[in-house]
């Protein structure tokens, strides 16, 4: 394995860890703001995190190429 591959792997793992943490924390925040059941806050958080993931992983590299 080359150093570049290992560096990219660590960056991806850190990115997904931050994304998952953001998903959990934002669902808790949206639950407290909306004062609804767990499902509603979770769905809003999943939508936002999926949008961020789509923009960062697909759209920006596609535009740069």
PDB file of N, CA and C in Angstrom:
ATOM      1  N   UNK A   1       0.841  -1.190   0.000  1.00  0.00           N
ATOM      2  CA  UNK A   1       0.000   0.000   0.000  1.00  0.00           C
ATOM      3  C   UNK A   1       0.882   1.248   0.000  1.00  0.00           C
ATOM      4  N   UNK A   2       0.473   2.192  -0.779  1.00  0.00           N
ATOM      5  CA  UNK A   2       1.233   3.436  -0.824  1.00  0.00           C
ATOM      6  C   UNK A   2       0.740   4.384   0.267  1.00  0.00           C
ATOM      7  N   UNK A   3       1.555   5.388   0.549  1.00  0.00           N
ATOM      8  CA  UNK A   3       1.200   6.371   1.573  1.00  0.00           C
ATOM      9  C   UNK A   3      -0.013   7.185   1.155  1.00  0.00           C
ATOM     10  N   UNK A   4      -0.136   7.474  -0.136  1.00  0.00           N
ATOM     11  CA  UNK A   4      -1.271   8.269  -0.615  1.00  0.00           C
ATOM     12  C   UNK A   4      -2.580   7.519  -0.388  1.00  0.00           C
ATOM     13  N   UNK A   5      -2.585   6.217  -0.662  1.00  0.00           N
ATOM     14  CA  UNK A   5      -3.787   5.408  -0.436  1.00  0.00           C
ATOM     15  C   UNK A   5      -4.165   5.393   1.040  1.00  0.00           C
ATOM     16  N   UNK A   6      -3.171   5.212   1.907  1.00  0.00           N
ATOM     17  CA  UNK A   6      -3.429   5.193   3.338  1.00  0.00           C
ATOM     18  C   UNK A   6      -3.934   6.545   3.831  1.00  0.00           C
ATOM     19  N   UNK A   7      -3.365   7.611   3.311  1.00  0.00           N
ATOM     20  CA  UNK A   7      -3.792   8.959   3.691  1.00  0.00           C
ATOM     21  C   UNK A   7      -5.231   9.211   3.244  1.00  0.00           C
ATOM     22  N   UNK A   8      -5.566   8.809   2.018  1.00  0.00           N
ATOM     23  CA  UNK A   8      -6.935   8.965   1.518  1.00  0.00           C
ATOM     24  C   UNK A   8      -7.927   8.114   2.321  1.00  0.00           C
ATOM     25  N   UNK A   9      -7.513   6.928   2.709  1.00  0.00           N
ATOM     26  CA  UNK A   9      -8.368   6.051   3.505  1.00  0.00           C
ATOM     27  C   UNK A   9      -8.660   6.662   4.872  1.00  0.00           C
ATOM     28  N   UNK A  10      -7.650   7.234   5.501  1.00  0.00           N
ATOM     29  CA  UNK A  10      -7.849   7.879   6.802  1.00  0.00           C
ATOM     30  C   UNK A  10      -8.750   9.096   6.667  1.00  0.00           C
ATOM     31  N   UNK A  11      -8.579   9.867   5.595  1.00  0.00           N
ATOM     32  CA  UNK A  11      -9.451  11.027   5.362  1.00  0.00           C
ATOM     33  C   UNK A  11     -10.904  10.606   5.181  1.00  0.00           C
ATOM     34  N   UNK A  12     -11.128   9.546   4.388  1.00  0.00           N
ATOM     35  CA  UNK A  12     -12.489   9.054   4.164  1.00  0.00           C
ATOM     36  C   UNK A  12     -13.103   8.542   5.459  1.00  0.00           C
ATOM     37  N   UNK A  13     -12.345   7.784   6.245  1.00  0.00           N
ATOM     38  CA  UNK A  13     -12.865   7.258   7.510  1.00  0.00           C
ATOM     39  C   UNK A  13     -13.215   8.404   8.455  1.00  0.00           C
ATOM     40  N   UNK A  14     -12.381   9.421   8.525  1.00  0.00           N
ATOM     41  CA  UNK A  14     -12.660  10.578   9.371  1.00  0.00           C
ATOM     42  C   UNK A  14     -13.889  11.320   8.870  1.00  0.00           C
ATOM     43  N   UNK A  15     -14.021  11.464   7.547  1.00  0.00           N
ATOM     44  CA  UNK A  15     -15.183  12.138   6.969  1.00  0.00           C
ATOM     45  C   UNK A  15     -16.474  11.404   7.304  1.00  0.00           C
ATOM     46  N   UNK A  16     -16.474  10.075   7.166  1.00  0.00           N
ATOM     47  CA  UNK A  16     -17.685   9.311   7.466  1.00  0.00           C
ATOM     48  C   UNK A  16     -17.996   9.307   8.958  1.00  0.00           C
ATOM     49  N   UNK A  17     -16.960   9.329   9.803  1.00  0.00           N
ATOM     50  CA  UNK A  17     -17.179   9.425  11.238  1.00  0.00           C
ATOM     51  C   UNK A  17     -17.838  10.756  11.587  1.00  0.00           C
ATOM     52  N   UNK A  18     -17.346  11.836  11.018  1.00  0.00           N
ATOM     53  CA  UNK A  18     -17.934  13.157  11.251  1.00  0.00           C
ATOM     54  C   UNK A  18     -19.362  13.205  10.711  1.00  0.00           C
ATOM     55  N   UNK A  19     -19.608  12.616   9.544  1.00  0.00           N
ATOM     56  CA  UNK A  19     -20.946  12.604   8.955  1.00  0.00           C
ATOM     57  C   UNK A  19     -21.927  11.836   9.844  1.00  0.00           C
ATOM     58  N   UNK A  20     -21.516  10.678  10.342  1.00  0.00           N
ATOM     59  CA  UNK A  20     -22.386   9.890  11.214  1.00  0.00           C
ATOM     60  C   UNK A  20     -22.644  10.622  12.525  1.00  0.00           C
ATOM     61  N   UNK A  21     -21.607  11.234  13.092  1.00  0.00           N
ATOM     62  CA  UNK A  21     -21.774  11.999  14.323  1.00  0.00           C
ATOM     63  C   UNK A  21     -22.716  13.172  14.100  1.00  0.00           C
ATOM     64  N   UNK A  22     -22.571  13.839  12.968  1.00  0.00           N
ATOM     65  CA  UNK A  22     -23.479  14.936  12.636  1.00  0.00           C
ATOM     66  C   UNK A  22     -24.905  14.462  12.472  1.00  0.00           C
ATOM     67  N   UNK A  23     -25.075  13.281  11.927  1.00  0.00           N
ATOM     68  CA  UNK A  23     -26.409  12.705  11.775  1.00  0.00           C
ATOM     69  C   UNK A  23     -27.065  12.485  13.132  1.00  0.00           C
ATOM     70  N   UNK A  24     -26.343  11.898  14.049  1.00  0.00           N
ATOM     71  CA  UNK A  24     -26.899  11.609  15.371  1.00  0.00           C
ATOM     72  C   UNK A  24     -27.181  12.903  16.134  1.00  0.00           C
ATOM     73  N   UNK A  25     -26.217  13.817  16.132  1.00  0.00           N
ATOM     74  CA  UNK A  25     -26.398  15.059  16.888  1.00  0.00           C
ATOM     75  C   UNK A  25     -27.491  15.943  16.293  1.00  0.00           C
ATOM     76  N   UNK A  26     -27.533  16.033  14.968  1.00  0.00           N
ATOM     77  CA  UNK A  26     -28.558  16.879  14.363  1.00  0.00           C
ATOM     78  C   UNK A  26     -29.952  16.288  14.550  1.00  0.00           C
ATOM     79  N   UNK A  27     -30.062  14.964  14.579  1.00  0.00           N
ATOM     80  CA  UNK A  27     -31.381  14.381  14.841  1.00  0.00           C
ATOM     81  C   UNK A  27     -31.837  14.701  16.256  1.00  0.00           C
ATOM     82  N   UNK A  28     -30.901  14.722  17.196  1.00  0.00           N
ATOM     83  CA  UNK A  28     -31.258  15.093  18.571  1.00  0.00           C
ATOM     84  C   UNK A  28     -31.665  16.563  18.641  1.00  0.00           C
ATOM     85  N   UNK A  29     -30.975  17.412  17.906  1.00  0.00           N
ATOM     86  CA  UNK A  29     -31.289  18.841  17.904  1.00  0.00           C
ATOM     87  C   UNK A  29     -32.649  19.090  17.268  1.00  0.00           C
ATOM     88  N   UNK A  30     -32.909  18.460  16.124  1.00  0.00           N
ATOM     89  CA  UNK A  30     -34.204  18.648  15.460  1.00  0.00           C
ATOM     90  C   UNK A  30     -35.348  18.086  16.287  1.00  0.00           C
ATOM     91  N   UNK A  31     -35.092  17.020  17.045  1.00  0.00           N
ATOM     92  CA  UNK A  31     -36.132  16.492  17.941  1.00  0.00           C
ATOM     93  C   UNK A  31     -36.490  17.507  19.014  1.00  0.00           C
ATOM     94  N   UNK A  32     -35.483  18.157  19.571  1.00  0.00           N
ATOM     95  CA  UNK A  32     -35.773  19.120  20.634  1.00  0.00           C
ATOM     96  C   UNK A  32     -36.400  20.395  20.081  1.00  0.00           C
ATOM     97  N   UNK A  33     -36.041  20.780  18.867  1.00  0.00           N
ATOM     98  CA  UNK A  33     -36.625  21.994  18.268  1.00  0.00           C
ATOM     99  C   UNK A  33     -38.079  21.750  17.877  1.00  0.00           C
ATOM    100  N   UNK A  34     -38.331  20.653  17.189  1.00  0.00           N
ATOM    101  CA  UNK A  34     -39.684  20.356  16.710  1.00  0.00           C
ATOM    102  C   UNK A  34     -40.597  19.831  17.796  1.00  0.00           C
ATOM    103  N   UNK A  35     -40.017  19.295  18.873  1.00  0.00           N
ATOM    104  CA  UNK A  35     -40.773  18.690  19.968  1.00  0.00           C
ATOM    105  C   UNK A  35     -41.727  17.624  19.432  1.00  0.00           C
ATOM    106  N   UNK A  36     -41.192  16.788  18.555  1.00  0.00           N
ATOM    107  CA  UNK A  36     -41.980  15.698  17.965  1.00  0.00           C
ATOM    108  C   UNK A  36     -41.344  14.370  18.349  1.00  0.00           C
ATOM    109  N   UNK A  37     -41.813  13.314  17.737  1.00  0.00           N
ATOM    110  CA  UNK A  37     -41.250  11.997  18.028  1.00  0.00           C
ATOM    111  C   UNK A  37     -39.866  11.867  17.405  1.00  0.00           C
ATOM    112  N   UNK A  38     -39.179  10.799  17.713  1.00  0.00           N
ATOM    113  CA  UNK A  38     -37.817  10.586  17.234  1.00  0.00           C
ATOM    114  C   UNK A  38     -37.747  10.467  15.722  1.00  0.00           C
ATOM    115  N   UNK A  39     -38.771   9.919  15.111  1.00  0.00           N
ATOM    116  CA  UNK A  39     -38.728   9.668  13.679  1.00  0.00           C
ATOM    117  C   UNK A  39     -38.638  10.957  12.861  1.00  0.00           C
ATOM    118  N   UNK A  40     -39.356  11.976  13.250  1.00  0.00           N
ATOM    119  CA  UNK A  40     -39.368  13.205  12.455  1.00  0.00           C
ATOM    120  C   UNK A  40     -38.023  13.914  12.474  1.00  0.00           C
ATOM    121  N   UNK A  41     -37.417  14.033  13.627  1.00  0.00           N
ATOM    122  CA  UNK A  41     -36.101  14.670  13.704  1.00  0.00           C
ATOM    123  C   UNK A  41     -35.050  13.867  12.983  1.00  0.00           C
ATOM    124  N   UNK A  42     -35.165  12.546  13.065  1.00  0.00           N
ATOM    125  CA  UNK A  42     -34.212  11.672  12.397  1.00  0.00           C
ATOM    126  C   UNK A  42     -34.320  11.799  10.877  1.00  0.00           C
ATOM    127  N   UNK A  43     -35.523  11.890  10.360  1.00  0.00           N
ATOM    128  CA  UNK A  43     -35.695  12.004   8.911  1.00  0.00           C
ATOM    129  C   UNK A  43     -35.143  13.321   8.376  1.00  0.00           C
ATOM    130  N   UNK A  44     -35.330  14.407   9.107  1.00  0.00           N
ATOM    131  CA  UNK A  44     -34.767  15.696   8.692  1.00  0.00           C
ATOM    132  C   UNK A  44     -33.249  15.616   8.691  1.00  0.00           C
ATOM    133  N   UNK A  45     -32.677  15.024   9.734  1.00  0.00           N
ATOM    134  CA  UNK A  45     -31.224  14.915   9.837  1.00  0.00           C
ATOM    135  C   UNK A  45     -30.651  14.029   8.735  1.00  0.00           C
ATOM    136  N   UNK A  46     -31.329  12.934   8.425  1.00  0.00           N
ATOM    137  CA  UNK A  46     -30.866  12.048   7.350  1.00  0.00           C
ATOM    138  C   UNK A  46     -30.890  12.785   6.013  1.00  0.00           C
ATOM    139  N   UNK A  47     -31.934  13.549   5.778  1.00  0.00           N
ATOM    140  CA  UNK A  47     -32.020  14.313   4.533  1.00  0.00           C
ATOM    141  C   UNK A  47     -30.897  15.319   4.394  1.00  0.00           C
ATOM    142  N   UNK A  48     -30.603  16.040   5.451  1.00  0.00           N
ATOM    143  CA  UNK A  48     -29.534  17.037   5.398  1.00  0.00           C
ATOM    144  C   UNK A  48     -28.173  16.372   5.227  1.00  0.00           C
ATOM    145  N   UNK A  49     -27.922  15.291   5.967  1.00  0.00           N
ATOM    146  CA  UNK A  49     -26.632  14.606   5.857  1.00  0.00           C
ATOM    147  C   UNK A  49     -26.455  13.959   4.485  1.00  0.00           C
ATOM    148  N   UNK A  50     -27.516  13.415   3.921  1.00  0.00           N
ATOM    149  CA  UNK A  50     -27.428  12.838   2.574  1.00  0.00           C
ATOM    150  C   UNK A  50     -27.169  13.920   1.533  1.00  0.00           C
ATOM    151  N   UNK A  51     -27.767  15.072   1.711  1.00  0.00           N
ATOM    152  CA  UNK A  51     -27.519  16.188   0.802  1.00  0.00           C
ATOM    153  C   UNK A  51     -26.071  16.648   0.879  1.00  0.00           C
ATOM    154  N   UNK A  52     -25.539  16.750   2.082  1.00  0.00           N
ATOM    155  CA  UNK A  52     -24.132  17.138   2.256  1.00  0.00           C
ATOM    156  C   UNK A  52     -23.217  16.085   1.631  1.00  0.00           C
ATOM    157  N   UNK A  53     -23.510  14.813   1.880  1.00  0.00           N
ATOM    158  CA  UNK A  53     -22.718  13.733   1.309  1.00  0.00           C
ATOM    159  C   UNK A  53     -22.758  13.771  -0.220  1.00  0.00           C
ATOM    160  N   UNK A  54     -23.922  13.983  -0.799  1.00  0.00           N
ATOM    161  CA  UNK A  54     -24.055  14.047  -2.252  1.00  0.00           C
ATOM    162  C   UNK A  54     -23.246  15.197  -2.830  1.00  0.00           C
ATOM    163  N   UNK A  55     -23.315  16.349  -2.202  1.00  0.00           N
ATOM    164  CA  UNK A  55     -22.591  17.513  -2.709  1.00  0.00           C
ATOM    165  C   UNK A  55     -21.089  17.300  -2.605  1.00  0.00           C
ATOM    166  N   UNK A  56     -20.612  16.825  -1.453  1.00  0.00           N
ATOM    167  CA  UNK A  56     -19.169  16.692  -1.248  1.00  0.00           C
ATOM    168  C   UNK A  56     -18.554  15.530  -2.003  1.00  0.00           C
ATOM    169  N   UNK A  57     -19.243  14.420  -2.102  1.00  0.00           N
ATOM    170  CA  UNK A  57     -18.667  13.224  -2.697  1.00  0.00           C
ATOM    171  C   UNK A  57     -18.945  13.086  -4.201  1.00  0.00           C
ATOM    172  N   UNK A  58     -20.007  13.655  -4.689  1.00  0.00           N
ATOM    173  CA  UNK A  58     -20.371  13.451  -6.097  1.00  0.00           C
ATOM    174  C   UNK A  58     -20.348  14.750  -6.899  1.00  0.00           C
ATOM    175  N   UNK A  59     -21.050  15.756  -6.424  1.00  0.00           N
ATOM    176  CA  UNK A  59     -21.254  16.950  -7.221  1.00  0.00           C
ATOM    177  C   UNK A  59     -19.992  17.773  -7.405  1.00  0.00           C
ATOM    178  N   UNK A  60     -19.263  18.038  -6.331  1.00  0.00           N
ATOM    179  CA  UNK A  60     -18.039  18.849  -6.429  1.00  0.00           C
ATOM    180  C   UNK A  60     -16.975  18.150  -7.285  1.00  0.00           C
ATOM    181  N   UNK A  61     -16.689  16.834  -7.085  1.00  0.00           N
ATOM    182  CA  UNK A  61     -15.716  16.186  -7.986  1.00  0.00           C
ATOM    183  C   UNK A  61     -16.196  16.163  -9.450  1.00  0.00           C
ATOM    184  N   UNK A  62     -17.489  16.022  -9.673  1.00  0.00           N
ATOM    185  CA  UNK A  62     -18.025  16.005 -11.034  1.00  0.00           C
ATOM    186  C   UNK A  62     -17.845  17.366 -11.689  1.00  0.00           C
ATOM    187  N   UNK A  63     -18.063  18.444 -10.933  1.00  0.00           N
ATOM    188  CA  UNK A  63     -17.889  19.797 -11.471  1.00  0.00           C
ATOM    189  C   UNK A  63     -16.414  20.078 -11.748  1.00  0.00           C
ATOM    190  N   UNK A  64     -15.533  19.609 -10.855  1.00  0.00           N
ATOM    191  CA  UNK A  64     -14.089  19.860 -11.035  1.00  0.00           C
ATOM    192  C   UNK A  64     -13.520  19.143 -12.252  1.00  0.00           C
ATOM    193  N   UNK A  65     -14.119  17.996 -12.625  1.00  0.00           N
ATOM    194  CA  UNK A  65     -13.644  17.275 -13.804  1.00  0.00           C
ATOM    195  C   UNK A  65     -14.281  17.880 -15.025  1.00  0.00           C
TER     196      UNK A  65
END
